[in-house]
Amino acid sequence: MTALSIVGISGSLTNPSRTTVLVDAILKAVAERSGHKTKLLKLSDSAPALFAATSPADVGKDARQFLDLIEGADLLVVGTPVYRASYTGALKHVFDLVDHRRFGSKPVALAATGGSPLHGLVIEHQLRPLFGFLNALTLPTAVYATEGDFSNYAIGSSAIHERIERVANEALIQLTRHSRPASPDAVSPPKAVVA
């Protein structure tokens, strides 16, 4: 089995972070089903290196390693806390620095945390369009959790656990498609029929 790269990004700048817990839970569920290792990237750890770059041309070595992991991933799990009715500016900065050409059909699982159920639409109205612009393939199920879904930074909601299971199953379908060798018909164009 070829090793696939499964990368999670927590767009939170705080530590500890409910968003990081949620992204990590999705990664673990995907790892259990796929058998592949995962990598969790936390903006709370990498923000100084990333914020030092104002454009892709300014990216330093540490930030480049962070971005390479994102661009090279076979599956991304992206989570953000909701601040002022949007994903974090730190997360947006990351996706301002990436090479958009590396995201075509890349499967992306979306997650967010917020103080109110009303902020759940940030996933549909802001995160999906961001990855649509990048030509990524967002999974149908997303996970949105409020503070009440956690107990001491642990997920305590059975409904959230069920959504995580759904996302992991959808991710596995995409990973299976990604790792399956292309059929010869898909690689070479069909031969012309001469009448």
N, C-alpha and C. Protein backbone atom coordinates (compact mmCIF):
# COMPACT_ATOMS: atom_id res chain seq x y z
N MET A 1 0.84 -1.18 0.00
CA MET A 1 0.00 0.00 0.00
C MET A 1 0.88 1.24 0.00
N THR A 2 0.63 2.14 -0.92
CA THR A 2 1.37 3.39 -0.98
C THR A 2 0.93 4.31 0.15
N ALA A 3 1.89 4.90 0.85
CA ALA A 3 1.56 5.81 1.94
C ALA A 3 0.98 7.10 1.38
N LEU A 4 -0.12 7.51 1.94
CA LEU A 4 -0.74 8.76 1.55
C LEU A 4 -0.51 9.79 2.64
N SER A 5 -0.51 11.05 2.25
CA SER A 5 -0.29 12.15 3.19
C SER A 5 -1.63 12.73 3.63
N ILE A 6 -1.93 12.60 4.92
CA ILE A 6 -3.17 13.11 5.48
C ILE A 6 -2.79 14.19 6.49
N VAL A 7 -3.17 15.42 6.20
CA VAL A 7 -2.71 16.56 6.99
C VAL A 7 -3.91 17.33 7.53
N GLY A 8 -3.85 17.65 8.82
CA GLY A 8 -4.85 18.49 9.44
C GLY A 8 -4.28 19.84 9.78
N ILE A 9 -5.08 20.88 9.64
CA ILE A 9 -4.66 22.24 9.96
C ILE A 9 -5.66 22.83 10.96
N SER A 10 -5.15 23.25 12.11
CA SER A 10 -5.99 23.97 13.06
C SER A 10 -5.71 25.45 12.90
N GLY A 11 -6.75 26.20 12.53
CA GLY A 11 -6.60 27.63 12.33
C GLY A 11 -6.70 28.45 13.60
N SER A 12 -6.63 27.79 14.75
CA SER A 12 -6.70 28.49 16.02
C SER A 12 -5.32 28.99 16.43
N LEU A 13 -5.28 30.15 17.05
CA LEU A 13 -4.02 30.69 17.57
C LEU A 13 -3.90 30.51 19.08
N THR A 14 -4.85 29.79 19.68
CA THR A 14 -4.79 29.56 21.12
C THR A 14 -4.40 28.12 21.42
N ASN A 15 -3.89 27.92 22.62
CA ASN A 15 -3.50 26.59 23.05
C ASN A 15 -3.73 26.49 24.56
N PRO A 16 -4.62 25.61 25.03
CA PRO A 16 -5.34 24.58 24.28
C PRO A 16 -6.44 25.17 23.41
N SER A 17 -6.95 24.34 22.51
CA SER A 17 -7.90 24.82 21.53
C SER A 17 -8.93 23.74 21.21
N ARG A 18 -10.19 24.10 21.26
CA ARG A 18 -11.25 23.15 20.88
C ARG A 18 -11.16 22.81 19.40
N THR A 19 -10.78 23.79 18.61
CA THR A 19 -10.63 23.54 17.17
C THR A 19 -9.55 22.48 16.92
N THR A 20 -8.44 22.60 17.61
CA THR A 20 -7.36 21.61 17.45
C THR A 20 -7.84 20.23 17.88
N VAL A 21 -8.59 20.15 18.97
CA VAL A 21 -9.14 18.87 19.43
C VAL A 21 -10.05 18.27 18.36
N LEU A 22 -10.88 19.10 17.74
CA LEU A 22 -11.81 18.63 16.72
C LEU A 22 -11.07 18.13 15.48
N VAL A 23 -10.10 18.90 15.00
CA VAL A 23 -9.32 18.48 13.83
C VAL A 23 -8.58 17.18 14.13
N ASP A 24 -8.00 17.09 15.32
CA ASP A 24 -7.27 15.88 15.70
C ASP A 24 -8.19 14.66 15.76
N ALA A 25 -9.41 14.85 16.25
CA ALA A 25 -10.36 13.74 16.31
C ALA A 25 -10.72 13.23 14.91
N ILE A 26 -10.87 14.15 13.97
CA ILE A 26 -11.16 13.74 12.58
C ILE A 26 -9.96 13.00 12.00
N LEU A 27 -8.76 13.52 12.23
CA LEU A 27 -7.55 12.84 11.75
C LEU A 27 -7.46 11.41 12.30
N LYS A 28 -7.72 11.25 13.59
CA LYS A 28 -7.63 9.93 14.21
C LYS A 28 -8.66 8.98 13.61
N ALA A 29 -9.87 9.47 13.36
CA ALA A 29 -10.91 8.63 12.76
C ALA A 29 -10.52 8.20 11.35
N VAL A 30 -9.92 9.12 10.59
CA VAL A 30 -9.47 8.78 9.23
C VAL A 30 -8.32 7.78 9.30
N ALA A 31 -7.39 7.99 10.22
CA ALA A 31 -6.24 7.08 10.37
C ALA A 31 -6.69 5.67 10.73
N GLU A 32 -7.68 5.55 11.61
CA GLU A 32 -8.19 4.24 12.01
C GLU A 32 -8.75 3.47 10.82
N ARG A 33 -9.43 4.18 9.92
CA ARG A 33 -10.05 3.52 8.77
C ARG A 33 -9.06 3.26 7.64
N SER A 34 -8.12 4.16 7.46
CA SER A 34 -7.24 4.07 6.29
C SER A 34 -5.93 3.35 6.57
N GLY A 35 -5.50 3.36 7.82
CA GLY A 35 -4.20 2.77 8.15
C GLY A 35 -3.03 3.69 7.84
N HIS A 36 -3.32 4.92 7.41
CA HIS A 36 -2.25 5.87 7.08
C HIS A 36 -1.96 6.78 8.27
N LYS A 37 -0.73 7.22 8.37
CA LYS A 37 -0.36 8.17 9.41
C LYS A 37 -0.89 9.55 9.05
N THR A 38 -1.07 10.36 10.07
CA THR A 38 -1.56 11.72 9.86
C THR A 38 -0.60 12.73 10.49
N LYS A 39 -0.74 13.97 10.08
CA LYS A 39 0.09 15.06 10.61
C LYS A 39 -0.82 16.21 10.96
N LEU A 40 -0.73 16.69 12.21
CA LEU A 40 -1.51 17.83 12.65
C LEU A 40 -0.64 19.07 12.66
N LEU A 41 -1.05 20.10 11.93
CA LEU A 41 -0.36 21.39 11.89
C LEU A 41 -1.18 22.40 12.68
N LYS A 42 -0.52 23.07 13.62
CA LYS A 42 -1.21 24.07 14.45
C LYS A 42 -0.66 25.46 14.14
N LEU A 43 -1.56 26.37 13.78
CA LEU A 43 -1.11 27.73 13.52
C LEU A 43 -0.58 28.39 14.79
N SER A 44 -1.03 27.91 15.93
CA SER A 44 -0.52 28.47 17.19
C SER A 44 0.99 28.23 17.33
N ASP A 45 1.49 27.19 16.68
CA ASP A 45 2.93 26.90 16.71
C ASP A 45 3.70 27.59 15.58
N SER A 46 3.07 27.72 14.43
CA SER A 46 3.77 28.15 13.22
C SER A 46 3.49 29.58 12.81
N ALA A 47 2.63 30.28 13.54
CA ALA A 47 2.24 31.63 13.13
C ALA A 47 3.41 32.59 12.93
N PRO A 48 4.41 32.63 13.83
CA PRO A 48 5.49 33.60 13.61
C PRO A 48 6.19 33.44 12.26
N ALA A 49 6.48 32.20 11.87
CA ALA A 49 7.16 31.97 10.59
C ALA A 49 6.25 32.33 9.42
N LEU A 50 4.97 32.00 9.54
CA LEU A 50 4.04 32.28 8.45
C LEU A 50 3.76 33.77 8.31
N PHE A 51 3.61 34.46 9.46
CA PHE A 51 3.28 35.89 9.41
C PHE A 51 4.47 36.74 8.97
N ALA A 52 5.66 36.17 8.99
CA ALA A 52 6.83 36.92 8.51
C ALA A 52 6.78 37.09 7.00
N ALA A 53 5.98 36.26 6.33
CA ALA A 53 5.87 36.33 4.86
C ALA A 53 4.64 37.14 4.49
N THR A 54 4.82 38.13 3.64
CA THR A 54 3.69 38.91 3.17
C THR A 54 3.23 38.48 1.78
N SER A 55 4.02 37.63 1.13
CA SER A 55 3.66 37.08 -0.18
C SER A 55 4.38 35.75 -0.35
N PRO A 56 3.97 34.94 -1.31
CA PRO A 56 4.67 33.67 -1.53
C PRO A 56 6.17 33.83 -1.78
N ALA A 57 6.57 34.95 -2.35
CA ALA A 57 7.99 35.18 -2.63
C ALA A 57 8.80 35.40 -1.35
N ASP A 58 8.13 35.78 -0.25
CA ASP A 58 8.81 36.08 1.01
C ASP A 58 8.87 34.89 1.97
N VAL A 59 8.36 33.75 1.58
CA VAL A 59 8.24 32.62 2.49
C VAL A 59 9.62 32.08 2.88
N GLY A 60 9.87 32.01 4.19
CA GLY A 60 11.14 31.47 4.70
C GLY A 60 11.12 29.96 4.79
N LYS A 61 12.21 29.39 5.26
CA LYS A 61 12.38 27.93 5.29
C LYS A 61 11.34 27.24 6.15
N ASP A 62 11.11 27.72 7.38
CA ASP A 62 10.15 27.07 8.27
C ASP A 62 8.73 27.15 7.72
N ALA A 63 8.36 28.31 7.22
CA ALA A 63 7.03 28.46 6.64
C ALA A 63 6.90 27.61 5.37
N ARG A 64 7.97 27.49 4.60
CA ARG A 64 7.93 26.68 3.38
C ARG A 64 7.66 25.22 3.70
N GLN A 65 8.26 24.71 4.78
CA GLN A 65 8.01 23.32 5.18
C GLN A 65 6.55 23.12 5.55
N PHE A 66 5.98 24.08 6.26
CA PHE A 66 4.57 24.05 6.64
C PHE A 66 3.68 24.03 5.40
N LEU A 67 3.96 24.92 4.46
CA LEU A 67 3.16 25.01 3.23
C LEU A 67 3.34 23.79 2.34
N ASP A 68 4.55 23.24 2.31
CA ASP A 68 4.79 22.03 1.51
C ASP A 68 3.93 20.87 1.99
N LEU A 69 3.78 20.74 3.30
CA LEU A 69 2.94 19.67 3.85
C LEU A 69 1.48 19.84 3.40
N ILE A 70 1.01 21.06 3.40
CA ILE A 70 -0.36 21.34 2.97
C ILE A 70 -0.53 21.08 1.48
N GLU A 71 0.38 21.62 0.69
CA GLU A 71 0.27 21.47 -0.77
C GLU A 71 0.42 20.02 -1.21
N GLY A 72 1.23 19.25 -0.50
CA GLY A 72 1.49 17.87 -0.89
C GLY A 72 0.52 16.86 -0.32
N ALA A 73 -0.41 17.30 0.50
CA ALA A 73 -1.33 16.37 1.15
C ALA A 73 -2.27 15.71 0.15
N ASP A 74 -2.56 14.44 0.39
CA ASP A 74 -3.57 13.72 -0.40
C ASP A 74 -4.96 13.99 0.15
N LEU A 75 -5.03 14.34 1.44
CA LEU A 75 -6.28 14.71 2.08
C LEU A 75 -5.96 15.79 3.11
N LEU A 76 -6.76 16.85 3.12
CA LEU A 76 -6.65 17.90 4.14
C LEU A 76 -7.86 17.87 5.06
N VAL A 77 -7.61 18.09 6.34
CA VAL A 77 -8.68 18.35 7.30
C VAL A 77 -8.42 19.76 7.81
N VAL A 78 -9.33 20.67 7.54
CA VAL A 78 -9.12 22.08 7.87
C VAL A 78 -10.17 22.52 8.88
N GLY A 79 -9.70 23.03 10.02
CA GLY A 79 -10.61 23.50 11.05
C GLY A 79 -10.28 24.92 11.47
N THR A 80 -11.30 25.66 11.86
CA THR A 80 -11.11 27.04 12.30
C THR A 80 -12.09 27.40 13.39
N PRO A 81 -11.65 28.18 14.35
CA PRO A 81 -12.65 28.81 15.21
C PRO A 81 -13.32 29.94 14.42
N VAL A 82 -14.54 30.26 14.78
CA VAL A 82 -15.24 31.35 14.12
C VAL A 82 -15.00 32.63 14.92
N TYR A 83 -14.37 33.60 14.27
CA TYR A 83 -14.13 34.91 14.86
C TYR A 83 -14.86 35.96 14.04
N ARG A 84 -15.71 36.72 14.68
CA ARG A 84 -16.43 37.79 14.01
C ARG A 84 -17.08 37.33 12.71
N ALA A 85 -17.76 36.20 12.83
CA ALA A 85 -18.56 35.63 11.74
C ALA A 85 -17.73 35.16 10.55
N SER A 86 -16.47 34.78 10.79
CA SER A 86 -15.64 34.29 9.69
C SER A 86 -14.57 33.34 10.23
N TYR A 87 -13.86 32.68 9.30
CA TYR A 87 -12.69 31.90 9.70
C TYR A 87 -11.59 32.87 10.08
N THR A 88 -10.57 32.38 10.74
CA THR A 88 -9.55 33.28 11.26
C THR A 88 -8.71 33.90 10.15
N GLY A 89 -8.23 35.10 10.41
CA GLY A 89 -7.33 35.77 9.46
C GLY A 89 -6.04 34.99 9.30
N ALA A 90 -5.62 34.30 10.37
CA ALA A 90 -4.40 33.49 10.29
C ALA A 90 -4.56 32.37 9.27
N LEU A 91 -5.73 31.73 9.28
CA LEU A 91 -5.97 30.65 8.31
C LEU A 91 -6.02 31.21 6.89
N LYS A 92 -6.67 32.35 6.73
CA LYS A 92 -6.72 32.98 5.40
C LYS A 92 -5.32 33.31 4.91
N HIS A 93 -4.46 33.76 5.81
CA HIS A 93 -3.09 34.10 5.42
C HIS A 93 -2.36 32.87 4.87
N VAL A 94 -2.57 31.72 5.50
CA VAL A 94 -1.95 30.48 5.01
C VAL A 94 -2.36 30.23 3.56
N PHE A 95 -3.65 30.37 3.28
CA PHE A 95 -4.12 30.05 1.93
C PHE A 95 -3.88 31.19 0.94
N ASP A 96 -3.40 32.33 1.42
CA ASP A 96 -2.88 33.36 0.53
C ASP A 96 -1.46 33.02 0.08
N LEU A 97 -0.77 32.18 0.85
CA LEU A 97 0.63 31.86 0.56
C LEU A 97 0.81 30.58 -0.26
N VAL A 98 -0.19 29.69 -0.26
CA VAL A 98 -0.03 28.41 -0.95
C VAL A 98 -0.08 28.60 -2.47
N ASP A 99 0.43 27.59 -3.16
CA ASP A 99 0.34 27.55 -4.63
C ASP A 99 -1.02 26.94 -4.98
N HIS A 100 -1.93 27.75 -5.48
CA HIS A 100 -3.30 27.29 -5.75
C HIS A 100 -3.35 26.15 -6.75
N ARG A 101 -2.31 25.99 -7.56
CA ARG A 101 -2.32 24.93 -8.58
C ARG A 101 -2.17 23.54 -7.96
N ARG A 102 -1.81 23.47 -6.69
CA ARG A 102 -1.59 22.18 -6.03
C ARG A 102 -2.86 21.61 -5.39
N PHE A 103 -4.01 22.26 -5.61
CA PHE A 103 -5.23 21.86 -4.90
C PHE A 103 -6.31 21.26 -5.79
N GLY A 104 -6.07 21.13 -7.08
CA GLY A 104 -7.07 20.60 -7.99
C GLY A 104 -7.55 19.22 -7.56
N SER A 105 -8.83 19.09 -7.25
CA SER A 105 -9.49 17.84 -6.84
C SER A 105 -8.95 17.26 -5.53
N LYS A 106 -8.17 18.02 -4.78
CA LYS A 106 -7.69 17.53 -3.48
C LYS A 106 -8.88 17.46 -2.52
N PRO A 107 -9.14 16.30 -1.90
CA PRO A 107 -10.24 16.23 -0.94
C PRO A 107 -9.93 16.99 0.34
N VAL A 108 -10.92 17.73 0.82
CA VAL A 108 -10.76 18.55 2.02
C VAL A 108 -11.97 18.34 2.93
N ALA A 109 -11.70 17.96 4.18
CA ALA A 109 -12.74 17.87 5.20
C ALA A 109 -12.76 19.19 5.96
N LEU A 110 -13.95 19.73 6.19
CA LEU A 110 -14.09 21.04 6.82
C LEU A 110 -14.67 20.91 8.22
N ALA A 111 -14.13 21.72 9.14
CA ALA A 111 -14.61 21.73 10.51
C ALA A 111 -14.48 23.14 11.07
N ALA A 112 -15.32 23.45 12.05
CA ALA A 112 -15.25 24.76 12.71
C ALA A 112 -15.82 24.64 14.11
N THR A 113 -15.42 25.57 14.95
CA THR A 113 -15.96 25.66 16.30
C THR A 113 -16.42 27.10 16.54
N GLY A 114 -17.44 27.25 17.38
CA GLY A 114 -17.93 28.59 17.67
C GLY A 114 -18.76 28.62 18.93
N GLY A 115 -19.11 29.79 19.36
CA GLY A 115 -19.86 29.95 20.58
C GLY A 115 -21.35 29.76 20.43
N SER A 116 -21.84 29.76 19.20
CA SER A 116 -23.28 29.67 18.95
C SER A 116 -23.54 28.80 17.72
N PRO A 117 -24.64 28.04 17.72
CA PRO A 117 -24.99 27.27 16.52
C PRO A 117 -25.18 28.14 15.29
N LEU A 118 -25.49 29.42 15.50
CA LEU A 118 -25.73 30.33 14.37
C LEU A 118 -24.50 30.52 13.50
N HIS A 119 -23.31 30.30 14.05
CA HIS A 119 -22.09 30.50 13.28
C HIS A 119 -21.74 29.29 12.39
N GLY A 120 -22.51 28.22 12.48
CA GLY A 120 -22.22 27.02 11.70
C GLY A 120 -22.22 27.26 10.20
N LEU A 121 -22.95 28.28 9.75
CA LEU A 121 -23.01 28.55 8.31
C LEU A 121 -21.71 29.12 7.75
N VAL A 122 -20.77 29.46 8.63
CA VAL A 122 -19.46 29.91 8.14
C VAL A 122 -18.83 28.84 7.26
N ILE A 123 -19.04 27.58 7.60
CA ILE A 123 -18.48 26.50 6.79
C ILE A 123 -19.04 26.56 5.37
N GLU A 124 -20.36 26.70 5.26
CA GLU A 124 -21.00 26.67 3.94
C GLU A 124 -20.77 27.95 3.14
N HIS A 125 -20.77 29.08 3.82
CA HIS A 125 -20.74 30.37 3.11
C HIS A 125 -19.33 30.94 2.95
N GLN A 126 -18.35 30.40 3.69
CA GLN A 126 -17.02 30.98 3.59
C GLN A 126 -15.93 29.93 3.33
N LEU A 127 -15.93 28.83 4.08
CA LEU A 127 -14.88 27.84 3.86
C LEU A 127 -15.06 27.11 2.52
N ARG A 128 -16.28 26.67 2.23
CA ARG A 128 -16.47 25.97 0.93
C ARG A 128 -16.11 26.86 -0.26
N PRO A 129 -16.51 28.14 -0.28
CA PRO A 129 -16.09 28.99 -1.41
C PRO A 129 -14.57 29.16 -1.49
N LEU A 130 -13.89 29.24 -0.34
CA LEU A 130 -12.43 29.36 -0.37
C LEU A 130 -11.81 28.17 -1.10
N PHE A 131 -12.25 26.96 -0.74
CA PHE A 131 -11.68 25.77 -1.36
C PHE A 131 -12.24 25.52 -2.76
N GLY A 132 -13.42 26.06 -3.03
CA GLY A 132 -13.93 26.03 -4.40
C GLY A 132 -13.04 26.85 -5.32
N PHE A 133 -12.60 28.01 -4.84
CA PHE A 133 -11.67 28.84 -5.61
C PHE A 133 -10.39 28.07 -5.90
N LEU A 134 -9.94 27.26 -4.94
CA LEU A 134 -8.70 26.48 -5.12
C LEU A 134 -8.92 25.21 -5.95
N ASN A 135 -10.15 24.97 -6.38
CA ASN A 135 -10.51 23.77 -7.14
C ASN A 135 -10.36 22.50 -6.33
N ALA A 136 -10.42 22.61 -5.00
CA ALA A 136 -10.37 21.44 -4.14
C ALA A 136 -11.76 20.80 -4.10
N LEU A 137 -11.81 19.57 -3.60
CA LEU A 137 -13.07 18.83 -3.49
C LEU A 137 -13.44 18.73 -2.02
N THR A 138 -14.35 19.59 -1.55
CA THR A 138 -14.74 19.53 -0.15
C THR A 138 -15.70 18.36 0.06
N LEU A 139 -15.50 17.64 1.15
CA LEU A 139 -16.36 16.49 1.46
C LEU A 139 -17.76 16.99 1.80
N PRO A 140 -18.79 16.19 1.50
CA PRO A 140 -20.17 16.65 1.73
C PRO A 140 -20.47 16.98 3.19
N THR A 141 -19.98 16.15 4.10
CA THR A 141 -20.27 16.37 5.51
C THR A 141 -19.19 17.24 6.13
N ALA A 142 -19.62 18.24 6.90
CA ALA A 142 -18.70 19.09 7.66
C ALA A 142 -19.05 18.92 9.14
N VAL A 143 -18.14 19.33 10.01
CA VAL A 143 -18.37 19.21 11.44
C VAL A 143 -18.27 20.60 12.08
N TYR A 144 -19.37 21.01 12.71
CA TYR A 144 -19.38 22.28 13.45
C TYR A 144 -19.73 21.97 14.90
N ALA A 145 -18.91 22.44 15.82
CA ALA A 145 -19.12 22.17 17.24
C ALA A 145 -19.12 23.47 18.03
N THR A 146 -19.97 23.54 19.02
CA THR A 146 -20.01 24.69 19.92
C THR A 146 -19.32 24.33 21.24
N GLU A 147 -19.16 25.32 22.09
CA GLU A 147 -18.51 25.08 23.39
C GLU A 147 -19.23 24.00 24.18
N GLY A 148 -20.55 23.93 24.05
CA GLY A 148 -21.33 22.93 24.77
C GLY A 148 -21.07 21.50 24.33
N ASP A 149 -20.43 21.31 23.18
CA ASP A 149 -20.10 19.97 22.69
C ASP A 149 -18.82 19.43 23.30
N PHE A 150 -18.16 20.26 24.11
CA PHE A 150 -16.89 19.88 24.73
C PHE A 150 -17.01 19.89 26.25
N SER A 151 -16.22 19.05 26.87
CA SER A 151 -16.09 19.06 28.32
C SER A 151 -14.61 19.03 28.63
N ASN A 152 -14.09 20.13 29.16
CA ASN A 152 -12.66 20.22 29.48
C ASN A 152 -11.79 19.85 28.26
N TYR A 153 -12.11 20.44 27.11
CA TYR A 153 -11.38 20.24 25.85
C TYR A 153 -11.43 18.80 25.33
N ALA A 154 -12.47 18.07 25.71
CA ALA A 154 -12.72 16.75 25.14
C ALA A 154 -14.11 16.78 24.53
N ILE A 155 -14.27 16.13 23.38
CA ILE A 155 -15.57 16.11 22.71
C ILE A 155 -16.51 15.21 23.51
N GLY A 156 -17.61 15.78 23.98
CA GLY A 156 -18.56 15.03 24.79
C GLY A 156 -19.88 14.78 24.10
N SER A 157 -20.05 15.27 22.89
CA SER A 157 -21.32 15.17 22.17
C SER A 157 -21.34 13.95 21.26
N SER A 158 -22.36 13.11 21.42
CA SER A 158 -22.48 11.94 20.54
C SER A 158 -22.80 12.37 19.11
N ALA A 159 -23.53 13.47 18.96
CA ALA A 159 -23.86 13.96 17.61
C ALA A 159 -22.59 14.39 16.87
N ILE A 160 -21.65 15.01 17.57
CA ILE A 160 -20.39 15.41 16.93
C ILE A 160 -19.57 14.17 16.58
N HIS A 161 -19.55 13.20 17.48
CA HIS A 161 -18.83 11.95 17.17
C HIS A 161 -19.41 11.27 15.93
N GLU A 162 -20.73 11.30 15.80
CA GLU A 162 -21.38 10.69 14.62
C GLU A 162 -20.98 11.43 13.35
N ARG A 163 -20.93 12.76 13.40
CA ARG A 163 -20.52 13.53 12.21
C ARG A 163 -19.06 13.24 11.87
N ILE A 164 -18.22 13.11 12.88
CA ILE A 164 -16.81 12.77 12.64
C ILE A 164 -16.71 11.42 11.92
N GLU A 165 -17.53 10.46 12.34
CA GLU A 165 -17.53 9.15 11.69
C GLU A 165 -17.96 9.27 10.23
N ARG A 166 -18.97 10.09 9.96
CA ARG A 166 -19.41 10.29 8.58
C ARG A 166 -18.31 10.91 7.73
N VAL A 167 -17.66 11.94 8.27
CA VAL A 167 -16.56 12.60 7.54
C VAL A 167 -15.45 11.59 7.27
N ALA A 168 -15.11 10.79 8.26
CA ALA A 168 -14.02 9.81 8.09
C ALA A 168 -14.38 8.81 6.99
N ASN A 169 -15.63 8.38 6.94
CA ASN A 169 -16.05 7.44 5.89
C ASN A 169 -15.98 8.09 4.51
N GLU A 170 -16.41 9.33 4.41
CA GLU A 170 -16.33 10.05 3.13
C GLU A 170 -14.88 10.26 2.72
N ALA A 171 -14.03 10.55 3.68
CA ALA A 171 -12.60 10.73 3.39
C ALA A 171 -12.00 9.43 2.88
N LEU A 172 -12.38 8.32 3.49
CA LEU A 172 -11.84 7.03 3.06
C LEU A 172 -12.22 6.72 1.61
N ILE A 173 -13.43 7.07 1.23
CA ILE A 173 -13.86 6.88 -0.17
C ILE A 173 -12.94 7.66 -1.10
N GLN A 174 -12.66 8.91 -0.76
CA GLN A 174 -11.80 9.74 -1.60
C GLN A 174 -10.36 9.23 -1.61
N LEU A 175 -9.87 8.78 -0.47
CA LEU A 175 -8.50 8.25 -0.42
C LEU A 175 -8.38 6.98 -1.25
N THR A 176 -9.43 6.15 -1.23
CA THR A 176 -9.43 4.92 -2.03
C THR A 176 -9.41 5.26 -3.51
N ARG A 177 -10.18 6.25 -3.90
CA ARG A 177 -10.17 6.69 -5.31
C ARG A 177 -8.81 7.24 -5.70
N HIS A 178 -8.20 7.99 -4.77
CA HIS A 178 -6.90 8.62 -5.04
C HIS A 178 -5.80 7.58 -5.21
N SER A 179 -5.86 6.51 -4.40
CA SER A 179 -4.78 5.53 -4.43
C SER A 179 -4.97 4.46 -5.49
N ARG A 180 -6.17 4.39 -6.08
CA ARG A 180 -6.44 3.39 -7.11
C ARG A 180 -5.74 3.78 -8.41
N PRO A 181 -4.98 2.87 -9.01
CA PRO A 181 -4.31 3.22 -10.27
C PRO A 181 -5.34 3.52 -11.36
N ALA A 182 -4.99 4.48 -12.16
CA ALA A 182 -5.89 4.85 -13.27
C ALA A 182 -5.97 3.71 -14.27
N SER A 183 -7.16 3.51 -14.82
CA SER A 183 -7.32 2.47 -15.83
C SER A 183 -6.64 2.93 -17.12
N PRO A 184 -6.21 1.98 -17.95
CA PRO A 184 -5.57 2.37 -19.21
C PRO A 184 -6.46 3.27 -20.07
N ASP A 185 -7.79 3.04 -20.01
CA ASP A 185 -8.70 3.88 -20.79
C ASP A 185 -8.67 5.33 -20.33
N ALA A 186 -8.43 5.51 -19.00
CA ALA A 186 -8.42 6.86 -18.45
C ALA A 186 -7.13 7.60 -18.83
N VAL A 187 -6.07 6.85 -19.10
CA VAL A 187 -4.78 7.46 -19.40
C VAL A 187 -4.65 7.83 -20.88
N SER A 188 -5.05 6.92 -21.75
CA SER A 188 -4.91 7.19 -23.17
C SER A 188 -6.28 7.43 -23.81
N PRO A 189 -6.34 8.35 -24.73
CA PRO A 189 -7.63 8.65 -25.37
C PRO A 189 -8.10 7.46 -26.20
N PRO A 190 -9.42 7.32 -26.36
CA PRO A 190 -9.92 6.20 -27.16
C PRO A 190 -9.47 6.33 -28.61
N LYS A 191 -9.27 5.19 -29.24
CA LYS A 191 -8.84 5.18 -30.65
C LYS A 191 -10.01 5.59 -31.54
N ALA A 192 -9.67 6.32 -32.57
CA ALA A 192 -10.70 6.75 -33.51
C ALA A 192 -11.17 5.57 -34.33
N VAL A 193 -12.46 5.55 -34.59
CA VAL A 193 -13.04 4.48 -35.40
C VAL A 193 -13.10 4.97 -36.83
N VAL A 194 -12.50 4.19 -37.75
CA VAL A 194 -12.50 4.56 -39.15
C VAL A 194 -13.60 3.76 -39.84
N ALA A 195 -14.52 4.46 -40.50
CA ALA A 195 -15.65 3.79 -41.15
C ALA A 195 -15.31 3.45 -42.58
